[in-house]
Amino acid sequence: MAIAQKKRLVFPHPAHRTAPTNYGVIILSTGTPAWVQQAIGGDAKGALTISEVGEEKLLGKGGFTLTSPAFKHGGELDPSFTAAEEDAVAPPLEWTAPPPGTQELALIVEDAEDGKIHWLVWGLKGQKGALFEGEAPPRTGKNAVGNSEWLLPDPPLGVQHRYVFQLYALDLPLTLMPGAGYEDFRKNIKNHVMAAAVLTARFEGHEIEELDAEDLDIED
């Protein structure tokens, strides 16, 4: 099956901004703040937590950044982190030291197209660190389907979605129970964010092909 060539957009990392710009993306007047649109590379059709609990001055404060060795900001997720592969896991993440006084780090991953929550994580130490590929975080909450795992991206066939990884430096440790829901998470981090870092990935829905014995050259 022929695969159509994809048009790639390059989104500068939020921490590298030098002046207001639309980065080649048409920024519309919507409910998403302009600084959030600039950070994620366009408008968000779904509600993003950073629009409510963050501020522009907190984005990248003190050089706080979130990156991944598996993809660049605005880059494409490998299928091994999505529903396109059977044994998929969460992608690896790395972050720089947060501002002094940070008590804990919390992470949320949301779909910019439909607002679905793919990952709720907290209990991360307030220091430079990382989550390795497939590593279980200290504490996790419920995703959009009600479990506490990395919800594998699975957009419709041929449709591209963006996944916004948001890391928050908090001025207090969270006391949420494992498996807590989004509303409790949001209420507990609101007004306690000292800095925020954003990393965006994209993924287009793939057709999953099932191989039979003939494809695998298996003899009876």
C-alpha atoms as a PDB file:
ATOM      1  CA  MET A   1       0.000   0.000   0.000  1.00  0.00           C
ATOM      2  CA  ALA A   2       1.495   3.339  -1.034  1.00  0.00           C
ATOM      3  CA  ILE A   3       2.045   5.815   1.767  1.00  0.00           C
ATOM      4  CA  ALA A   4       1.388   9.473   0.975  1.00  0.00           C
ATOM      5  CA  GLN A   5       4.212  11.840   1.777  1.00  0.00           C
ATOM      6  CA  LYS A   6       3.515  13.837   4.921  1.00  0.00           C
ATOM      7  CA  LYS A   7       4.026  17.571   5.247  1.00  0.00           C
ATOM      8  CA  ARG A   8       6.273  18.197   8.228  1.00  0.00           C
ATOM      9  CA  LEU A   9       6.121  21.318  10.387  1.00  0.00           C
ATOM     10  CA  VAL A  10       9.053  22.327  12.552  1.00  0.00           C
ATOM     11  CA  PHE A  11       8.164  23.812  15.915  1.00  0.00           C
ATOM     12  CA  PRO A  12      10.937  25.539  17.904  1.00  0.00           C
ATOM     13  CA  HIS A  13      11.144  24.420  21.517  1.00  0.00           C
ATOM     14  CA  PRO A  14       9.353  26.888  23.861  1.00  0.00           C
ATOM     15  CA  ALA A  15      12.542  27.505  25.812  1.00  0.00           C
ATOM     16  CA  HIS A  16      14.270  28.731  22.647  1.00  0.00           C
ATOM     17  CA  ARG A  17      11.824  31.531  21.829  1.00  0.00           C
ATOM     18  CA  THR A  18      13.361  34.964  21.330  1.00  0.00           C
ATOM     19  CA  ALA A  19      10.394  37.008  20.197  1.00  0.00           C
ATOM     20  CA  PRO A  20       6.654  36.562  19.612  1.00  0.00           C
ATOM     21  CA  THR A  21       6.081  34.685  16.369  1.00  0.00           C
ATOM     22  CA  ASN A  22       3.588  32.282  14.842  1.00  0.00           C
ATOM     23  CA  TYR A  23       6.396  29.919  13.699  1.00  0.00           C
ATOM     24  CA  GLY A  24       4.785  29.553  10.290  1.00  0.00           C
ATOM     25  CA  VAL A  25       1.508  28.403  11.861  1.00  0.00           C
ATOM     26  CA  ILE A  26      -1.692  30.392  11.433  1.00  0.00           C
ATOM     27  CA  ILE A  27      -2.767  31.269  14.957  1.00  0.00           C
ATOM     28  CA  LEU A  28      -6.478  31.811  15.199  1.00  0.00           C
ATOM     29  CA  SER A  29      -8.395  33.770  17.774  1.00  0.00           C
ATOM     30  CA  THR A  30      -9.773  30.960  19.932  1.00  0.00           C
ATOM     31  CA  GLY A  31     -10.088  30.076  23.597  1.00  0.00           C
ATOM     32  CA  THR A  32      -6.491  28.838  23.644  1.00  0.00           C
ATOM     33  CA  PRO A  33      -4.083  31.590  24.796  1.00  0.00           C
ATOM     34  CA  ALA A  34      -1.661  32.761  22.114  1.00  0.00           C
ATOM     35  CA  TRP A  35       1.360  31.786  24.197  1.00  0.00           C
ATOM     36  CA  VAL A  36       0.033  28.228  24.485  1.00  0.00           C
ATOM     37  CA  GLN A  37      -0.586  28.076  20.739  1.00  0.00           C
ATOM     38  CA  GLN A  38       2.984  29.226  20.151  1.00  0.00           C
ATOM     39  CA  ALA A  39       4.320  26.615  22.561  1.00  0.00           C
ATOM     40  CA  ILE A  40       2.471  23.664  21.007  1.00  0.00           C
ATOM     41  CA  GLY A  41       2.663  24.759  17.367  1.00  0.00           C
ATOM     42  CA  GLY A  42      -0.915  25.809  16.671  1.00  0.00           C
ATOM     43  CA  ASP A  43      -4.400  25.914  18.106  1.00  0.00           C
ATOM     44  CA  ALA A  44      -5.757  23.294  20.474  1.00  0.00           C
ATOM     45  CA  LYS A  45      -9.248  22.058  19.715  1.00  0.00           C
ATOM     46  CA  GLY A  46      -9.307  20.235  23.039  1.00  0.00           C
ATOM     47  CA  ALA A  47      -8.839  21.970  26.374  1.00  0.00           C
ATOM     48  CA  LEU A  48      -5.283  21.863  27.700  1.00  0.00           C
ATOM     49  CA  THR A  49      -4.445  21.993  31.387  1.00  0.00           C
ATOM     50  CA  ILE A  50      -1.623  24.486  30.903  1.00  0.00           C
ATOM     51  CA  SER A  51      -4.136  27.073  29.684  1.00  0.00           C
ATOM     52  CA  GLU A  52      -5.746  27.027  33.121  1.00  0.00           C
ATOM     53  CA  VAL A  53      -2.959  26.361  35.612  1.00  0.00           C
ATOM     54  CA  GLY A  54      -0.017  27.987  33.817  1.00  0.00           C
ATOM     55  CA  GLU A  55       1.108  31.437  32.746  1.00  0.00           C
ATOM     56  CA  GLU A  56       3.390  32.563  29.953  1.00  0.00           C
ATOM     57  CA  LYS A  57       6.011  33.786  32.431  1.00  0.00           C
ATOM     58  CA  LEU A  58       6.192  30.284  33.961  1.00  0.00           C
ATOM     59  CA  LEU A  59       6.892  28.508  30.656  1.00  0.00           C
ATOM     60  CA  GLY A  60      10.547  27.530  30.623  1.00  0.00           C
ATOM     61  CA  LYS A  61      11.228  29.594  33.756  1.00  0.00           C
ATOM     62  CA  GLY A  62      14.819  29.275  34.894  1.00  0.00           C
ATOM     63  CA  GLY A  63      15.666  27.217  31.795  1.00  0.00           C
ATOM     64  CA  PHE A  64      13.255  24.439  32.781  1.00  0.00           C
ATOM     65  CA  THR A  65      12.783  22.201  29.729  1.00  0.00           C
ATOM     66  CA  LEU A  66      11.261  18.846  28.839  1.00  0.00           C
ATOM     67  CA  THR A  67      12.739  16.758  26.015  1.00  0.00           C
ATOM     68  CA  SER A  68      12.776  13.195  24.732  1.00  0.00           C
ATOM     69  CA  PRO A  69      15.598  11.169  23.163  1.00  0.00           C
ATOM     70  CA  ALA A  70      12.911   9.495  21.030  1.00  0.00           C
ATOM     71  CA  PHE A  71      11.485  12.549  19.245  1.00  0.00           C
ATOM     72  CA  LYS A  72      12.028  16.265  18.777  1.00  0.00           C
ATOM     73  CA  HIS A  73       9.593  18.960  19.841  1.00  0.00           C
ATOM     74  CA  GLY A  74       6.872  18.889  17.190  1.00  0.00           C
ATOM     75  CA  GLY A  75       8.233  15.615  15.835  1.00  0.00           C
ATOM     76  CA  GLU A  76       6.518  12.313  15.175  1.00  0.00           C
ATOM     77  CA  LEU A  77       6.020   9.575  17.743  1.00  0.00           C
ATOM     78  CA  ASP A  78       7.486   6.237  16.811  1.00  0.00           C
ATOM     79  CA  PRO A  79       4.772   3.569  16.402  1.00  0.00           C
ATOM     80  CA  SER A  80       6.375   1.676  19.300  1.00  0.00           C
ATOM     81  CA  PHE A  81       4.767   4.263  21.615  1.00  0.00           C
ATOM     82  CA  THR A  82       1.304   4.001  20.052  1.00  0.00           C
ATOM     83  CA  ALA A  83      -1.559   1.622  19.418  1.00  0.00           C
ATOM     84  CA  ALA A  84       0.024   0.766  16.057  1.00  0.00           C
ATOM     85  CA  GLU A  85       2.241  -1.788  17.787  1.00  0.00           C
ATOM     86  CA  GLU A  86       1.186  -4.566  20.125  1.00  0.00           C
ATOM     87  CA  ASP A  87       3.919  -4.186  22.760  1.00  0.00           C
ATOM     88  CA  ALA A  88       3.953  -0.385  22.807  1.00  0.00           C
ATOM     89  CA  VAL A  89       5.120   1.525  25.884  1.00  0.00           C
ATOM     90  CA  ALA A  90       5.394   5.145  27.030  1.00  0.00           C
ATOM     91  CA  PRO A  91       8.188   7.183  25.427  1.00  0.00           C
ATOM     92  CA  PRO A  92      11.306   8.225  27.348  1.00  0.00           C
ATOM     93  CA  LEU A  93      11.427  11.738  28.780  1.00  0.00           C
ATOM     94  CA  GLU A  94      14.167  13.926  30.229  1.00  0.00           C
ATOM     95  CA  TRP A  95      14.024  17.264  32.032  1.00  0.00           C
ATOM     96  CA  THR A  96      16.391  19.883  33.328  1.00  0.00           C
ATOM     97  CA  ALA A  97      16.549  21.117  36.912  1.00  0.00           C
ATOM     98  CA  PRO A  98      13.419  23.032  37.953  1.00  0.00           C
ATOM     99  CA  PRO A  99      13.581  26.345  39.849  1.00  0.00           C
ATOM    100  CA  PRO A 100      14.895  26.286  43.438  1.00  0.00           C
ATOM    101  CA  GLY A 101      12.183  25.492  45.947  1.00  0.00           C
ATOM    102  CA  THR A 102      10.439  22.941  43.739  1.00  0.00           C
ATOM    103  CA  GLN A 103       8.975  20.204  45.941  1.00  0.00           C
ATOM    104  CA  GLU A 104       7.688  17.863  43.265  1.00  0.00           C
ATOM    105  CA  LEU A 105       7.165  17.481  39.531  1.00  0.00           C
ATOM    106  CA  ALA A 106       3.896  16.439  37.927  1.00  0.00           C
ATOM    107  CA  LEU A 107       3.224  15.453  34.328  1.00  0.00           C
ATOM    108  CA  ILE A 108       0.120  15.358  32.178  1.00  0.00           C
ATOM    109  CA  VAL A 109      -0.152  14.370  28.519  1.00  0.00           C
ATOM    110  CA  GLU A 110      -3.206  15.555  26.589  1.00  0.00           C
ATOM    111  CA  ASP A 111      -4.420  15.281  23.007  1.00  0.00           C
ATOM    112  CA  ALA A 112      -4.588  18.783  21.530  1.00  0.00           C
ATOM    113  CA  GLU A 113      -7.246  17.667  19.058  1.00  0.00           C
ATOM    114  CA  ASP A 114      -9.820  16.081  21.350  1.00  0.00           C
ATOM    115  CA  GLY A 115      -8.640  16.835  24.900  1.00  0.00           C
ATOM    116  CA  LYS A 116      -8.194  13.199  25.905  1.00  0.00           C
ATOM    117  CA  ILE A 117      -5.890  12.567  28.836  1.00  0.00           C
ATOM    118  CA  HIS A 118      -3.198  10.046  27.961  1.00  0.00           C
ATOM    119  CA  TRP A 119      -1.092  10.124  31.112  1.00  0.00           C
ATOM    120  CA  LEU A 120      -1.298  11.554  34.625  1.00  0.00           C
ATOM    121  CA  VAL A 121       1.931  11.308  36.611  1.00  0.00           C
ATOM    122  CA  TRP A 122       3.160  12.793  39.877  1.00  0.00           C
ATOM    123  CA  GLY A 123       5.559  12.004  42.683  1.00  0.00           C
ATOM    124  CA  LEU A 124       8.570  12.885  40.520  1.00  0.00           C
ATOM    125  CA  LYS A 125      11.450  14.382  42.496  1.00  0.00           C
ATOM    126  CA  GLY A 126      11.891  18.134  42.188  1.00  0.00           C
ATOM    127  CA  GLN A 127      15.230  17.889  40.434  1.00  0.00           C
ATOM    128  CA  LYS A 128      16.793  17.107  37.055  1.00  0.00           C
ATOM    129  CA  GLY A 129      15.660  13.659  35.997  1.00  0.00           C
ATOM    130  CA  ALA A 130      14.168  11.286  33.484  1.00  0.00           C
ATOM    131  CA  LEU A 131      11.641   8.544  32.834  1.00  0.00           C
ATOM    132  CA  PHE A 132      13.097   5.755  30.727  1.00  0.00           C
ATOM    133  CA  GLU A 133      11.180   4.091  27.906  1.00  0.00           C
ATOM    134  CA  GLY A 134       8.379   2.047  29.452  1.00  0.00           C
ATOM    135  CA  GLU A 135       9.399   2.930  33.019  1.00  0.00           C
ATOM    136  CA  ALA A 136       6.631   2.930  35.626  1.00  0.00           C
ATOM    137  CA  PRO A 137       6.331   6.387  37.262  1.00  0.00           C
ATOM    138  CA  PRO A 138       6.096   6.799  41.067  1.00  0.00           C
ATOM    139  CA  ARG A 139       2.379   7.736  41.018  1.00  0.00           C
ATOM    140  CA  THR A 140      -0.190   7.685  38.237  1.00  0.00           C
ATOM    141  CA  GLY A 141      -3.799   8.762  37.887  1.00  0.00           C
ATOM    142  CA  LYS A 142      -6.677   7.842  35.612  1.00  0.00           C
ATOM    143  CA  ASN A 143      -6.405   8.495  31.900  1.00  0.00           C
ATOM    144  CA  ALA A 144      -9.312   9.043  29.488  1.00  0.00           C
ATOM    145  CA  VAL A 145     -10.368   5.387  29.616  1.00  0.00           C
ATOM    146  CA  GLY A 146     -10.169   5.105  33.394  1.00  0.00           C
ATOM    147  CA  ASN A 147      -6.942   3.192  33.921  1.00  0.00           C
ATOM    148  CA  SER A 148      -3.611   4.433  35.243  1.00  0.00           C
ATOM    149  CA  GLU A 149      -1.398   3.536  32.307  1.00  0.00           C
ATOM    150  CA  TRP A 150       0.031   5.351  29.296  1.00  0.00           C
ATOM    151  CA  LEU A 151      -2.957   5.568  26.952  1.00  0.00           C
ATOM    152  CA  LEU A 152      -1.608   4.570  23.552  1.00  0.00           C
ATOM    153  CA  PRO A 153      -2.260   7.221  20.880  1.00  0.00           C
ATOM    154  CA  ASP A 154      -4.727   5.842  18.359  1.00  0.00           C
ATOM    155  CA  PRO A 155      -6.065   8.590  16.074  1.00  0.00           C
ATOM    156  CA  PRO A 156      -8.355   7.741  13.141  1.00  0.00           C
ATOM    157  CA  LEU A 157      -6.721   6.352  10.015  1.00  0.00           C
ATOM    158  CA  GLY A 158      -4.961   9.134   8.122  1.00  0.00           C
ATOM    159  CA  VAL A 159      -5.719  11.761  10.775  1.00  0.00           C
ATOM    160  CA  GLN A 160      -2.868  13.441  12.634  1.00  0.00           C
ATOM    161  CA  HIS A 161      -3.166  14.320  16.325  1.00  0.00           C
ATOM    162  CA  ARG A 162      -0.768  16.233  18.565  1.00  0.00           C
ATOM    163  CA  TYR A 163       0.100  15.040  22.051  1.00  0.00           C
ATOM    164  CA  VAL A 164       1.125  17.732  24.512  1.00  0.00           C
ATOM    165  CA  PHE A 165       3.453  16.634  27.323  1.00  0.00           C
ATOM    166  CA  GLN A 166       3.244  19.181  30.160  1.00  0.00           C
ATOM    167  CA  LEU A 167       5.633  19.037  33.103  1.00  0.00           C
ATOM    168  CA  TYR A 168       4.931  21.186  36.142  1.00  0.00           C
ATOM    169  CA  ALA A 169       7.298  22.219  38.939  1.00  0.00           C
ATOM    170  CA  LEU A 170       5.198  22.497  42.100  1.00  0.00           C
ATOM    171  CA  ASP A 171       5.813  24.354  45.336  1.00  0.00           C
ATOM    172  CA  LEU A 172       4.321  21.542  47.422  1.00  0.00           C
ATOM    173  CA  PRO A 173       4.190  17.741  47.291  1.00  0.00           C
ATOM    174  CA  LEU A 174       0.906  16.274  46.081  1.00  0.00           C
ATOM    175  CA  THR A 175      -1.025  14.093  48.521  1.00  0.00           C
ATOM    176  CA  LEU A 176      -3.215  12.450  45.888  1.00  0.00           C
ATOM    177  CA  MET A 177      -3.937   8.761  46.188  1.00  0.00           C
ATOM    178  CA  PRO A 178      -2.716   6.530  43.335  1.00  0.00           C
ATOM    179  CA  GLY A 179      -5.434   6.274  40.695  1.00  0.00           C
ATOM    180  CA  ALA A 180      -6.803   9.764  41.385  1.00  0.00           C
ATOM    181  CA  GLY A 181      -8.792  11.401  38.621  1.00  0.00           C
ATOM    182  CA  TYR A 182      -8.059  14.442  36.514  1.00  0.00           C
ATOM    183  CA  GLU A 183     -10.222  16.898  38.453  1.00  0.00           C
ATOM    184  CA  ASP A 184      -8.410  16.151  41.711  1.00  0.00           C
ATOM    185  CA  PHE A 185      -5.078  16.437  39.903  1.00  0.00           C
ATOM    186  CA  ARG A 186      -5.970  19.791  38.355  1.00  0.00           C
ATOM    187  CA  LYS A 187      -7.343  21.295  41.566  1.00  0.00           C
ATOM    188  CA  ASN A 188      -4.278  20.225  43.522  1.00  0.00           C
ATOM    189  CA  ILE A 189      -1.720  21.727  41.153  1.00  0.00           C
ATOM    190  CA  LYS A 190      -3.610  24.956  40.430  1.00  0.00           C
ATOM    191  CA  ASN A 191      -1.970  27.988  42.096  1.00  0.00           C
ATOM    192  CA  HIS A 192       1.072  25.866  42.965  1.00  0.00           C
ATOM    193  CA  VAL A 193       2.910  25.873  39.624  1.00  0.00           C
ATOM    194  CA  MET A 194       6.383  27.448  39.854  1.00  0.00           C
ATOM    195  CA  ALA A 195       7.446  26.601  36.302  1.00  0.00           C
ATOM    196  CA  ALA A 196       6.175  24.618  33.333  1.00  0.00           C
ATOM    197  CA  ALA A 197       7.772  22.856  30.382  1.00  0.00           C
ATOM    198  CA  VAL A 198       6.021  21.662  27.222  1.00  0.00           C
ATOM    199  CA  LEU A 199       6.923  19.041  24.642  1.00  0.00           C
ATOM    200  CA  THR A 200       4.680  18.227  21.683  1.00  0.00           C
ATOM    201  CA  ALA A 201       4.628  15.083  19.548  1.00  0.00           C
ATOM    202  CA  ARG A 202       2.391  14.135  16.667  1.00  0.00           C
ATOM    203  CA  PHE A 203       1.103  10.885  15.292  1.00  0.00           C
ATOM    204  CA  GLU A 204      -1.076   9.954  12.338  1.00  0.00           C
ATOM    205  CA  GLY A 205      -3.452   7.021  12.488  1.00  0.00           C
ATOM    206  CA  HIS A 206      -1.951   3.951  10.818  1.00  0.00           C
ATOM    207  CA  GLU A 207      -3.559   0.938   9.194  1.00  0.00           C
ATOM    208  CA  ILE A 208      -2.494  -2.040  11.261  1.00  0.00           C
ATOM    209  CA  GLU A 209      -1.680  -4.959   9.009  1.00  0.00           C
ATOM    210  CA  GLU A 210      -2.090  -8.486  10.283  1.00  0.00           C
ATOM    211  CA  LEU A 211       0.507 -10.894   8.925  1.00  0.00           C
ATOM    212  CA  ASP A 212      -0.438 -14.467   8.158  1.00  0.00           C
ATOM    213  CA  ALA A 213       1.830 -17.496   7.944  1.00  0.00           C
ATOM    214  CA  GLU A 214       2.500 -16.907   4.240  1.00  0.00           C
ATOM    215  CA  ASP A 215       3.723 -13.351   4.920  1.00  0.00           C
ATOM    216  CA  LEU A 216       6.101 -14.688   7.572  1.00  0.00           C
ATOM    217  CA  ASP A 217       7.334 -17.441   5.239  1.00  0.00           C
ATOM    218  CA  ILE A 218       6.314 -20.127   7.738  1.00  0.00           C
ATOM    219  CA  GLU A 219       6.079 -23.625   6.348  1.00  0.00           C
ATOM    220  CA  ASP A 220       3.499 -26.169   7.496  1.00  0.00           C
END
